[in-house]
C-alpha atoms as a PDB file:
ATOM      1  CA  MET A   1     -18.058  15.493 -77.615  1.00  0.00           C
ATOM      2  CA  SER A   2     -16.067  19.100 -77.751  1.00  0.00           C
ATOM      3  CA  THR A   3     -16.857  22.285 -76.918  1.00  0.00           C
ATOM      4  CA  SER A   4     -14.020  23.095 -78.455  1.00  0.00           C
ATOM      5  CA  THR A   5     -15.406  24.697 -81.554  1.00  0.00           C
ATOM      6  CA  ILE A   6     -17.768  26.962 -79.102  1.00  0.00           C
ATOM      7  CA  ARG A   7     -15.458  27.871 -77.313  1.00  0.00           C
ATOM      8  CA  THR A   8     -12.859  28.803 -79.781  1.00  0.00           C
ATOM      9  CA  GLY A   9     -14.482  29.957 -83.037  1.00  0.00           C
ATOM     10  CA  LYS A  10     -12.274  27.235 -84.803  1.00  0.00           C
ATOM     11  CA  ARG A  11     -14.529  25.680 -87.332  1.00  0.00           C
ATOM     12  CA  ARG A  12     -13.854  22.031 -88.413  1.00  0.00           C
ATOM     13  CA  GLU A  13     -15.248  19.864 -91.245  1.00  0.00           C
ATOM     14  CA  TYR A  14     -19.412  18.903 -90.933  1.00  0.00           C
ATOM     15  CA  ASP A  15     -19.917  15.258 -90.693  1.00  0.00           C
ATOM     16  CA  LYS A  16     -23.087  14.766 -89.558  1.00  0.00           C
ATOM     17  CA  PHE A  17     -23.252  10.957 -88.078  1.00  0.00           C
ATOM     18  CA  ALA A  18     -20.446  12.299 -85.558  1.00  0.00           C
ATOM     19  CA  ALA A  19     -22.516  15.766 -84.720  1.00  0.00           C
ATOM     20  CA  TYR A  20     -25.396  12.391 -84.269  1.00  0.00           C
ATOM     21  CA  GLY A  21     -23.212  11.054 -81.341  1.00  0.00           C
ATOM     22  CA  ALA A  22     -22.156  14.842 -80.044  1.00  0.00           C
ATOM     23  CA  SER A  23     -25.972  15.299 -79.428  1.00  0.00           C
ATOM     24  CA  LYS A  24     -26.704  11.815 -77.911  1.00  0.00           C
ATOM     25  CA  THR A  25     -23.329  12.213 -76.094  1.00  0.00           C
ATOM     26  CA  ALA A  26     -24.970  16.253 -74.785  1.00  0.00           C
ATOM     27  CA  ASN A  27     -28.775  14.520 -73.997  1.00  0.00           C
ATOM     28  CA  VAL A  28     -26.418  12.037 -71.378  1.00  0.00           C
ATOM     29  CA  LEU A  29     -24.613  15.036 -70.016  1.00  0.00           C
ATOM     30  CA  HIS A  30     -27.282  17.273 -69.446  1.00  0.00           C
ATOM     31  CA  VAL A  31     -29.527  14.249 -67.632  1.00  0.00           C
ATOM     32  CA  VAL A  32     -26.747  14.080 -65.030  1.00  0.00           C
ATOM     33  CA  GLU A  33     -26.339  17.813 -64.239  1.00  0.00           C
ATOM     34  CA  LEU A  34     -30.078  17.865 -63.890  1.00  0.00           C
ATOM     35  CA  ASP A  35     -30.122  15.269 -62.248  1.00  0.00           C
ATOM     36  CA  ARG A  36     -27.714  16.528 -59.441  1.00  0.00           C
ATOM     37  CA  SER A  37     -29.376  20.019 -59.444  1.00  0.00           C
ATOM     38  CA  LEU A  38     -32.636  18.668 -58.709  1.00  0.00           C
ATOM     39  CA  ARG A  39     -32.592  15.053 -57.046  1.00  0.00           C
ATOM     40  CA  ASP A  40     -32.486  17.242 -53.770  1.00  0.00           C
ATOM     41  CA  ARG A  41     -36.800  18.183 -54.694  1.00  0.00           C
ATOM     42  CA  GLY A  42     -37.336  14.176 -55.778  1.00  0.00           C
ATOM     43  CA  VAL A  43     -37.018  14.779 -59.299  1.00  0.00           C
ATOM     44  CA  ARG A  44     -34.958  12.520 -61.285  1.00  0.00           C
ATOM     45  CA  ALA A  45     -33.789  12.673 -64.601  1.00  0.00           C
ATOM     46  CA  TYR A  46     -33.019  10.183 -67.159  1.00  0.00           C
ATOM     47  CA  ALA A  47     -31.386   9.702 -70.995  1.00  0.00           C
ATOM     48  CA  GLY A  48     -32.720   7.224 -72.642  1.00  0.00           C
ATOM     49  CA  CYS A  49     -32.505   5.536 -75.785  1.00  0.00           C
ATOM     50  CA  THR A  50     -35.604   4.217 -78.584  1.00  0.00           C
ATOM     51  CA  GLY A  51     -33.375   2.461 -80.260  1.00  0.00           C
ATOM     52  CA  VAL A  52     -33.427   2.431 -84.153  1.00  0.00           C
ATOM     53  CA  VAL A  53     -37.136   3.593 -85.214  1.00  0.00           C
ATOM     54  CA  ALA A  54     -39.308   3.193 -88.418  1.00  0.00           C
ATOM     55  CA  THR A  55     -40.413   6.618 -88.779  1.00  0.00           C
ATOM     56  CA  SER A  56     -40.562   8.939 -91.581  1.00  0.00           C
ATOM     57  CA  LEU A  57     -37.314  11.222 -90.451  1.00  0.00           C
ATOM     58  CA  ALA A  58     -35.124   9.376 -92.402  1.00  0.00           C
ATOM     59  CA  ARG A  59     -36.563   9.575 -95.905  1.00  0.00           C
ATOM     60  CA  GLN A  60     -34.196  12.259 -97.261  1.00  0.00           C
ATOM     61  CA  HIS A  61     -31.396   9.130 -96.803  1.00  0.00           C
ATOM     62  CA  ASP A  62     -31.067   6.689 -99.595  1.00  0.00           C
ATOM     63  CA  SER A  63     -30.019   3.253 -99.292  1.00  0.00           C
ATOM     64  CA  ARG A  64     -26.174   4.060 -99.947  1.00  0.00           C
ATOM     65  CA  ARG A  65     -26.332   6.389 -96.727  1.00  0.00           C
ATOM     66  CA  LEU A  66     -27.985   4.162 -94.842  1.00  0.00           C
ATOM     67  CA  ALA A  67     -25.637   1.484 -96.092  1.00  0.00           C
ATOM     68  CA  SER A  68     -22.670   3.785 -94.906  1.00  0.00           C
ATOM     69  CA  LEU A  69     -24.655   4.089 -91.321  1.00  0.00           C
ATOM     70  CA  THR A  70     -23.814   0.454 -91.274  1.00  0.00           C
ATOM     71  CA  ARG A  71     -19.931   0.037 -92.308  1.00  0.00           C
ATOM     72  CA  LEU A  72     -19.125   2.588 -89.173  1.00  0.00           C
ATOM     73  CA  GLU A  73     -17.553   0.660 -86.821  1.00  0.00           C
ATOM     74  CA  PRO A  74     -19.244   0.172 -82.880  1.00  0.00           C
ATOM     75  CA  ALA A  75     -17.309   2.338 -80.317  1.00  0.00           C
ATOM     76  CA  ASP A  76     -16.933  -0.204 -77.800  1.00  0.00           C
ATOM     77  CA  SER A  77     -15.646  -3.179 -79.285  1.00  0.00           C
ATOM     78  CA  GLY A  78     -18.258  -5.406 -77.198  1.00  0.00           C
ATOM     79  CA  ARG A  79     -21.564  -4.155 -78.527  1.00  0.00           C
ATOM     80  CA  VAL A  80     -23.183  -5.720 -81.882  1.00  0.00           C
ATOM     81  CA  GLN A  81     -23.019  -4.172 -84.825  1.00  0.00           C
ATOM     82  CA  ILE A  82     -26.406  -3.339 -86.447  1.00  0.00           C
ATOM     83  CA  ASP A  83     -27.464  -3.075 -89.830  1.00  0.00           C
ATOM     84  CA  VAL A  84     -29.481   0.187 -89.929  1.00  0.00           C
ATOM     85  CA  ARG A  85     -31.484  -0.881 -93.297  1.00  0.00           C
ATOM     86  CA  HIS A  86     -33.291  -4.378 -91.162  1.00  0.00           C
ATOM     87  CA  ASP A  87     -33.420  -3.547 -87.661  1.00  0.00           C
ATOM     88  CA  PHE A  88     -35.963  -1.346 -87.485  1.00  0.00           C
ATOM     89  CA  THR A  89     -38.076  -1.601 -83.932  1.00  0.00           C
ATOM     90  CA  THR A  90     -41.963   0.237 -84.340  1.00  0.00           C
ATOM     91  CA  PRO A  91     -42.573   3.817 -82.615  1.00  0.00           C
ATOM     92  CA  ASP A  92     -44.361   1.436 -79.981  1.00  0.00           C
ATOM     93  CA  TYR A  93     -41.568  -0.352 -78.977  1.00  0.00           C
ATOM     94  CA  GLY A  94     -38.840   2.596 -79.490  1.00  0.00           C
ATOM     95  CA  ALA A  95     -41.386   4.649 -76.470  1.00  0.00           C
ATOM     96  CA  ALA A  96     -41.889   1.497 -74.073  1.00  0.00           C
ATOM     97  CA  THR A  97     -38.589   2.470 -72.387  1.00  0.00           C
ATOM     98  CA  GLN A  98     -39.013   6.741 -71.466  1.00  0.00           C
ATOM     99  CA  VAL A  99     -42.856   4.983 -70.679  1.00  0.00           C
ATOM    100  CA  TRP A 100     -41.224   2.552 -67.963  1.00  0.00           C
ATOM    101  CA  ALA A 101     -38.735   5.222 -67.299  1.00  0.00           C
ATOM    102  CA  ALA A 102     -41.607   7.829 -65.819  1.00  0.00           C
ATOM    103  CA  VAL A 103     -43.981   4.973 -64.064  1.00  0.00           C
ATOM    104  CA  SER A 104     -41.235   2.560 -62.695  1.00  0.00           C
ATOM    105  CA  PRO A 105     -41.291   2.530 -59.020  1.00  0.00           C
ATOM    106  CA  GLU A 106     -37.914   0.326 -60.271  1.00  0.00           C
ATOM    107  CA  LEU A 107     -35.853   3.860 -60.813  1.00  0.00           C
ATOM    108  CA  ALA A 108     -37.123   5.425 -58.038  1.00  0.00           C
ATOM    109  CA  ASP A 109     -33.740   6.138 -56.199  1.00  0.00           C
ATOM    110  CA  ASP A 110     -31.887   6.135 -59.173  1.00  0.00           C
ATOM    111  CA  GLY A 111     -31.197   9.095 -61.578  1.00  0.00           C
ATOM    112  CA  ALA A 112     -28.518  10.496 -64.619  1.00  0.00           C
ATOM    113  CA  VAL A 113     -28.869   7.071 -66.024  1.00  0.00           C
ATOM    114  CA  TYR A 114     -28.817   5.568 -69.126  1.00  0.00           C
ATOM    115  CA  LEU A 115     -32.447   3.331 -70.419  1.00  0.00           C
ATOM    116  CA  ALA A 116     -32.228   0.876 -73.643  1.00  0.00           C
ATOM    117  CA  ASP A 117     -35.002  -1.173 -73.744  1.00  0.00           C
ATOM    118  CA  CYS A 118     -36.426  -0.980 -70.597  1.00  0.00           C
ATOM    119  CA  ALA A 119     -33.199  -1.124 -68.400  1.00  0.00           C
ATOM    120  CA  VAL A 120     -30.467   0.830 -66.919  1.00  0.00           C
ATOM    121  CA  ARG A 121     -27.844   0.252 -69.487  1.00  0.00           C
ATOM    122  CA  ASP A 122     -24.357   0.144 -67.522  1.00  0.00           C
ATOM    123  CA  ASP A 123     -21.847  -0.080 -70.790  1.00  0.00           C
ATOM    124  CA  VAL A 124     -21.716   3.565 -70.846  1.00  0.00           C
ATOM    125  CA  ALA A 125     -18.984   5.824 -71.862  1.00  0.00           C
ATOM    126  CA  PRO A 126     -17.528   6.862 -69.154  1.00  0.00           C
ATOM    127  CA  TYR A 127     -16.673  10.194 -70.626  1.00  0.00           C
ATOM    128  CA  ALA A 128     -20.484  10.592 -71.282  1.00  0.00           C
ATOM    129  CA  VAL A 129     -21.843  10.449 -67.384  1.00  0.00           C
ATOM    130  CA  ASP A 130     -19.054  12.671 -66.283  1.00  0.00           C
ATOM    131  CA  GLU A 131     -20.137  14.991 -63.575  1.00  0.00           C
ATOM    132  CA  GLU A 132     -17.352  17.330 -64.171  1.00  0.00           C
ATOM    133  CA  ARG A 133     -17.694  17.290 -67.506  1.00  0.00           C
ATOM    134  CA  ALA A 134     -22.098  17.362 -67.202  1.00  0.00           C
ATOM    135  CA  LEU A 135     -21.480  20.942 -65.133  1.00  0.00           C
ATOM    136  CA  ALA A 136     -19.088  22.741 -67.645  1.00  0.00           C
ATOM    137  CA  LEU A 137     -21.559  21.623 -70.570  1.00  0.00           C
ATOM    138  CA  TRP A 138     -24.739  22.491 -68.695  1.00  0.00           C
ATOM    139  CA  GLU A 139     -23.171  26.307 -67.880  1.00  0.00           C
ATOM    140  CA  LEU A 140     -21.523  26.457 -70.827  1.00  0.00           C
ATOM    141  CA  SER A 141     -25.223  25.741 -72.200  1.00  0.00           C
ATOM    142  CA  GLU A 142     -27.034  28.378 -69.796  1.00  0.00           C
ATOM    143  CA  ARG A 143     -23.995  30.688 -70.944  1.00  0.00           C
ATOM    144  CA  LEU A 144     -25.157  30.657 -74.189  1.00  0.00           C
ATOM    145  CA  CYS A 145     -28.831  31.155 -73.508  1.00  0.00           C
ATOM    146  CA  ALA A 146     -27.982  33.867 -70.991  1.00  0.00           C
ATOM    147  CA  GLY A 147     -29.852  36.396 -73.391  1.00  0.00           C
ATOM    148  CA  VAL A 148     -33.492  34.401 -73.279  1.00  0.00           C
ATOM    149  CA  GLY A 149     -34.161  33.824 -69.773  1.00  0.00           C
ATOM    150  CA  CYS A 150     -32.951  30.763 -68.938  1.00  0.00           C
ATOM    151  CA  ARG A 151     -30.884  31.540 -66.142  1.00  0.00           C
ATOM    152  CA  ARG A 152     -30.592  29.029 -63.202  1.00  0.00           C
ATOM    153  CA  GLN A 153     -28.570  29.161 -59.453  1.00  0.00           C
ATOM    154  CA  THR A 154     -24.681  27.614 -60.231  1.00  0.00           C
ATOM    155  CA  ARG A 155     -23.330  25.879 -56.784  1.00  0.00           C
ATOM    156  CA  SER A 156     -21.992  28.665 -55.517  1.00  0.00           C
ATOM    157  CA  GLY A 157     -25.197  30.662 -55.433  1.00  0.00           C
ATOM    158  CA  SER A 158     -25.191  32.871 -58.625  1.00  0.00           C
ATOM    159  CA  ASP A 159     -26.152  32.894 -62.005  1.00  0.00           C
ATOM    160  CA  VAL A 160     -23.569  32.207 -64.586  1.00  0.00           C
ATOM    161  CA  ALA A 161     -23.242  35.425 -64.969  1.00  0.00           C
ATOM    162  CA  GLY A 162     -22.542  36.019 -61.593  1.00  0.00           C
ATOM    163  CA  ASN A 163     -25.622  37.372 -60.714  1.00  0.00           C
ATOM    164  CA  PRO A 164     -27.213  37.137 -57.628  1.00  0.00           C
ATOM    165  CA  ALA A 165     -29.637  34.396 -57.472  1.00  0.00           C
ATOM    166  CA  PRO A 166     -33.220  35.121 -57.442  1.00  0.00           C
ATOM    167  CA  ALA A 167     -35.654  35.264 -55.462  1.00  0.00           C
ATOM    168  CA  SER A 168     -38.003  33.417 -57.386  1.00  0.00           C
ATOM    169  CA  ASP A 169     -38.357  31.134 -60.227  1.00  0.00           C
ATOM    170  CA  VAL A 170     -40.172  31.401 -63.545  1.00  0.00           C
ATOM    171  CA  ALA A 171     -43.276  30.372 -62.055  1.00  0.00           C
ATOM    172  CA  GLY A 172     -43.034  32.988 -58.616  1.00  0.00           C
ATOM    173  CA  ASN A 173     -42.508  30.627 -56.846  1.00  0.00           C
ATOM    174  CA  PRO A 174     -39.926  31.561 -53.882  1.00  0.00           C
ATOM    175  CA  ALA A 175     -36.090  30.869 -55.185  1.00  0.00           C
ATOM    176  CA  PRO A 176     -34.883  27.690 -52.489  1.00  0.00           C
ATOM    177  CA  GLY A 177     -32.840  28.850 -49.631  1.00  0.00           C
ATOM    178  CA  HIS A 178     -33.586  32.828 -50.496  1.00  0.00           C
ATOM    179  CA  PRO A 179     -34.404  35.261 -48.030  1.00  0.00           C
ATOM    180  CA  THR A 180     -37.585  36.227 -48.130  1.00  0.00           C
END
């Protein structure tokens, strides 16, 4: 996932499938930073894959478009290529991994992991779980959201705009480490 378009303003040709992949990478990177930020408070974060779920989300895609997805080669040559026209799962099974993550004692000490089929996956691309990239994307997101009150304390003790840490969080609870 490249943030160069956001940083430079230079546009490139839009590819919906590349954009989808970039959005999935961004989700994983955000989970990595969210977990790092909250794990000392006992909160863990996970990225989960539902699989290709049979919903109406793809209703605007005709069979030709779906067939074009099948022709895409997996980024990892060791991965099995799926046929998105036939390899669907049910919404219940698609939700199973998220439910498992919420209640499984197996994950109590783990976070910032990628989950699929009710298991931790270890075949995630290294760039998708890179802590430096995760922090950079998180801070970029905060800068983009700064005008709508989405600020949090950075590792330096101030928000991304350089403002001192607030005395309380959005719920009015005292901020950790803030002198009251």
